Amino acid sequence: MHVDLMRLPPAALAALVVACLVQGALLVVALVVLLKTEESRLTLPRAAWLAVVIVVGFFGPVAFLIGGRRRAPQLEPQAASAKSIADAVDNLYGEGR
């Protein structure tokens, strides 16, 4: 099937261009996030997500970005002590201030 894109109305052509740009941006973002995420945080093996992101078109990257990663473990904040605050002030401004 051959479609002459230049015969489309300008609004439809603009919408098609925007859709293609969104599709490409989603693909790039999903691939970068996928490759930078630790394997232990992925909900499926990396190869499976890679196939989904590439093959499933628009919905593959969206599915990965929404549900492809587990939350990062939360670290407990440490309470500051008077000594640690004094040490921080001394490091910033010099001792004896």
C-alpha atoms as a PDB file:
ATOM      1  CA  MET A   1       0.000   0.000   0.000  1.00  0.00           C
ATOM      2  CA  HIS A   2       1.495   3.277  -1.104  1.00  0.00           C
ATOM      3  CA  VAL A   3       0.324   6.512   0.495  1.00  0.00           C
ATOM      4  CA  ASP A   4       1.367   9.886  -0.782  1.00  0.00           C
ATOM      5  CA  LEU A   5       1.960  11.840   2.431  1.00  0.00           C
ATOM      6  CA  MET A   6       2.049  15.145   0.596  1.00  0.00           C
ATOM      7  CA  ARG A   7      -1.640  14.727  -0.276  1.00  0.00           C
ATOM      8  CA  LEU A   8      -2.569  14.748   3.414  1.00  0.00           C
ATOM      9  CA  PRO A   9      -4.016  17.956   4.854  1.00  0.00           C
ATOM     10  CA  PRO A  10      -1.358  20.056   6.619  1.00  0.00           C
ATOM     11  CA  ALA A  11      -2.918  19.468  10.055  1.00  0.00           C
ATOM     12  CA  ALA A  12      -2.862  15.694   9.571  1.00  0.00           C
ATOM     13  CA  LEU A  13       0.724  15.825   8.343  1.00  0.00           C
ATOM     14  CA  ALA A  14       1.738  17.931  11.376  1.00  0.00           C
ATOM     15  CA  ALA A  15      -0.024  15.483  13.711  1.00  0.00           C
ATOM     16  CA  LEU A  16       1.794  12.580  12.073  1.00  0.00           C
ATOM     17  CA  VAL A  17       5.154  14.316  12.482  1.00  0.00           C
ATOM     18  CA  VAL A  18       4.436  15.051  16.164  1.00  0.00           C
ATOM     19  CA  ALA A  19       3.352  11.437  16.756  1.00  0.00           C
ATOM     20  CA  CYS A  20       6.576  10.173  15.165  1.00  0.00           C
ATOM     21  CA  LEU A  21       8.678  12.512  17.309  1.00  0.00           C
ATOM     22  CA  VAL A  22       6.876  11.420  20.479  1.00  0.00           C
ATOM     23  CA  GLN A  23       7.328   7.766  19.501  1.00  0.00           C
ATOM     24  CA  GLY A  24      11.052   8.277  18.902  1.00  0.00           C
ATOM     25  CA  ALA A  25      11.564  10.205  22.136  1.00  0.00           C
ATOM     26  CA  LEU A  26       9.729   7.546  24.163  1.00  0.00           C
ATOM     27  CA  LEU A  27      11.844   4.832  22.570  1.00  0.00           C
ATOM     28  CA  VAL A  28      15.121   6.625  23.322  1.00  0.00           C
ATOM     29  CA  VAL A  29      14.161   7.471  26.922  1.00  0.00           C
ATOM     30  CA  ALA A  30      12.948   3.928  27.625  1.00  0.00           C
ATOM     31  CA  LEU A  31      16.124   2.392  26.174  1.00  0.00           C
ATOM     32  CA  VAL A  32      18.408   4.700  28.167  1.00  0.00           C
ATOM     33  CA  VAL A  33      16.523   4.036  31.405  1.00  0.00           C
ATOM     34  CA  LEU A  34      16.459   0.300  30.686  1.00  0.00           C
ATOM     35  CA  LEU A  35      20.200   0.132  30.089  1.00  0.00           C
ATOM     36  CA  LYS A  36      21.025   2.221  33.181  1.00  0.00           C
ATOM     37  CA  THR A  37      18.715   0.378  35.594  1.00  0.00           C
ATOM     38  CA  GLU A  38      20.224  -2.385  37.710  1.00  0.00           C
ATOM     39  CA  GLU A  39      19.035  -5.852  36.705  1.00  0.00           C
ATOM     40  CA  SER A  40      17.763  -6.530  40.234  1.00  0.00           C
ATOM     41  CA  ARG A  41      15.287  -3.629  39.979  1.00  0.00           C
ATOM     42  CA  LEU A  42      13.726  -4.802  36.690  1.00  0.00           C
ATOM     43  CA  THR A  43      10.406  -6.644  36.835  1.00  0.00           C
ATOM     44  CA  LEU A  44      11.353  -8.819  33.825  1.00  0.00           C
ATOM     45  CA  PRO A  45      14.759  -9.850  32.463  1.00  0.00           C
ATOM     46  CA  ARG A  46      16.517  -7.066  30.549  1.00  0.00           C
ATOM     47  CA  ALA A  47      16.293  -8.964  27.234  1.00  0.00           C
ATOM     48  CA  ALA A  48      12.527  -9.351  27.621  1.00  0.00           C
ATOM     49  CA  TRP A  49      12.040  -5.641  28.309  1.00  0.00           C
ATOM     50  CA  LEU A  50      14.322  -4.790  25.402  1.00  0.00           C
ATOM     51  CA  ALA A  51      12.143  -6.858  23.073  1.00  0.00           C
ATOM     52  CA  VAL A  52       8.936  -5.307  24.450  1.00  0.00           C
ATOM     53  CA  VAL A  53      10.263  -1.757  24.135  1.00  0.00           C
ATOM     54  CA  ILE A  54      11.455  -2.241  20.563  1.00  0.00           C
ATOM     55  CA  VAL A  55       8.709  -4.482  19.142  1.00  0.00           C
ATOM     56  CA  VAL A  56       5.512  -3.217  20.761  1.00  0.00           C
ATOM     57  CA  GLY A  57       5.772   0.296  19.362  1.00  0.00           C
ATOM     58  CA  PHE A  58       4.229   3.128  21.379  1.00  0.00           C
ATOM     59  CA  PHE A  59       2.901   0.953  24.220  1.00  0.00           C
ATOM     60  CA  GLY A  60       6.149  -0.952  24.876  1.00  0.00           C
ATOM     61  CA  PRO A  61       8.161   2.049  26.102  1.00  0.00           C
ATOM     62  CA  VAL A  62       5.158   3.348  28.041  1.00  0.00           C
ATOM     63  CA  ALA A  63       4.671  -0.056  29.718  1.00  0.00           C
ATOM     64  CA  PHE A  64       8.338  -0.197  30.695  1.00  0.00           C
ATOM     65  CA  LEU A  65       8.429   3.350  32.046  1.00  0.00           C
ATOM     66  CA  ILE A  66       5.275   2.767  34.114  1.00  0.00           C
ATOM     67  CA  GLY A  67       5.790  -0.772  35.410  1.00  0.00           C
ATOM     68  CA  GLY A  68       9.210  -2.028  34.408  1.00  0.00           C
ATOM     69  CA  ARG A  69      11.155  -1.087  37.515  1.00  0.00           C
ATOM     70  CA  ARG A  70      10.822  -1.825  41.214  1.00  0.00           C
ATOM     71  CA  ARG A  71      11.229   1.020  43.678  1.00  0.00           C
ATOM     72  CA  ALA A  72      14.748   1.713  44.865  1.00  0.00           C
ATOM     73  CA  PRO A  73      15.374   0.665  48.468  1.00  0.00           C
ATOM     74  CA  GLN A  74      14.864   3.502  50.920  1.00  0.00           C
ATOM     75  CA  LEU A  75      17.729   4.242  53.289  1.00  0.00           C
ATOM     76  CA  GLU A  76      17.010   5.301  56.832  1.00  0.00           C
ATOM     77  CA  PRO A  77      18.162   8.873  57.474  1.00  0.00           C
ATOM     78  CA  GLN A  78      20.789   9.270  60.155  1.00  0.00           C
ATOM     79  CA  ALA A  79      20.135  11.718  62.943  1.00  0.00           C
ATOM     80  CA  ALA A  80      22.653  14.514  63.266  1.00  0.00           C
ATOM     81  CA  SER A  81      24.486  14.778  66.538  1.00  0.00           C
ATOM     82  CA  ALA A  82      25.863  17.948  68.092  1.00  0.00           C
ATOM     83  CA  LYS A  83      29.399  16.709  67.353  1.00  0.00           C
ATOM     84  CA  SER A  84      28.673  16.050  63.680  1.00  0.00           C
ATOM     85  CA  ILE A  85      27.106  19.503  63.317  1.00  0.00           C
ATOM     86  CA  ALA A  86      30.098  21.137  65.014  1.00  0.00           C
ATOM     87  CA  ASP A  87      32.451  19.159  62.750  1.00  0.00           C
ATOM     88  CA  ALA A  88      30.529  20.291  59.662  1.00  0.00           C
ATOM     89  CA  VAL A  89      30.676  23.936  60.772  1.00  0.00           C
ATOM     90  CA  ASP A  90      34.407  23.600  61.458  1.00  0.00           C
ATOM     91  CA  ASN A  91      34.943  22.068  58.009  1.00  0.00           C
ATOM     92  CA  LEU A  92      33.044  24.889  56.325  1.00  0.00           C
ATOM     93  CA  TYR A  93      34.312  27.889  58.254  1.00  0.00           C
ATOM     94  CA  GLY A  94      37.499  26.736  59.938  1.00  0.00           C
ATOM     95  CA  GLU A  95      38.050  25.801  63.532  1.00  0.00           C
ATOM     96  CA  GLY A  96      37.346  28.233  66.331  1.00  0.00           C
ATOM     97  CA  ARG A  97      34.410  30.048  64.751  1.00  0.00           C
END
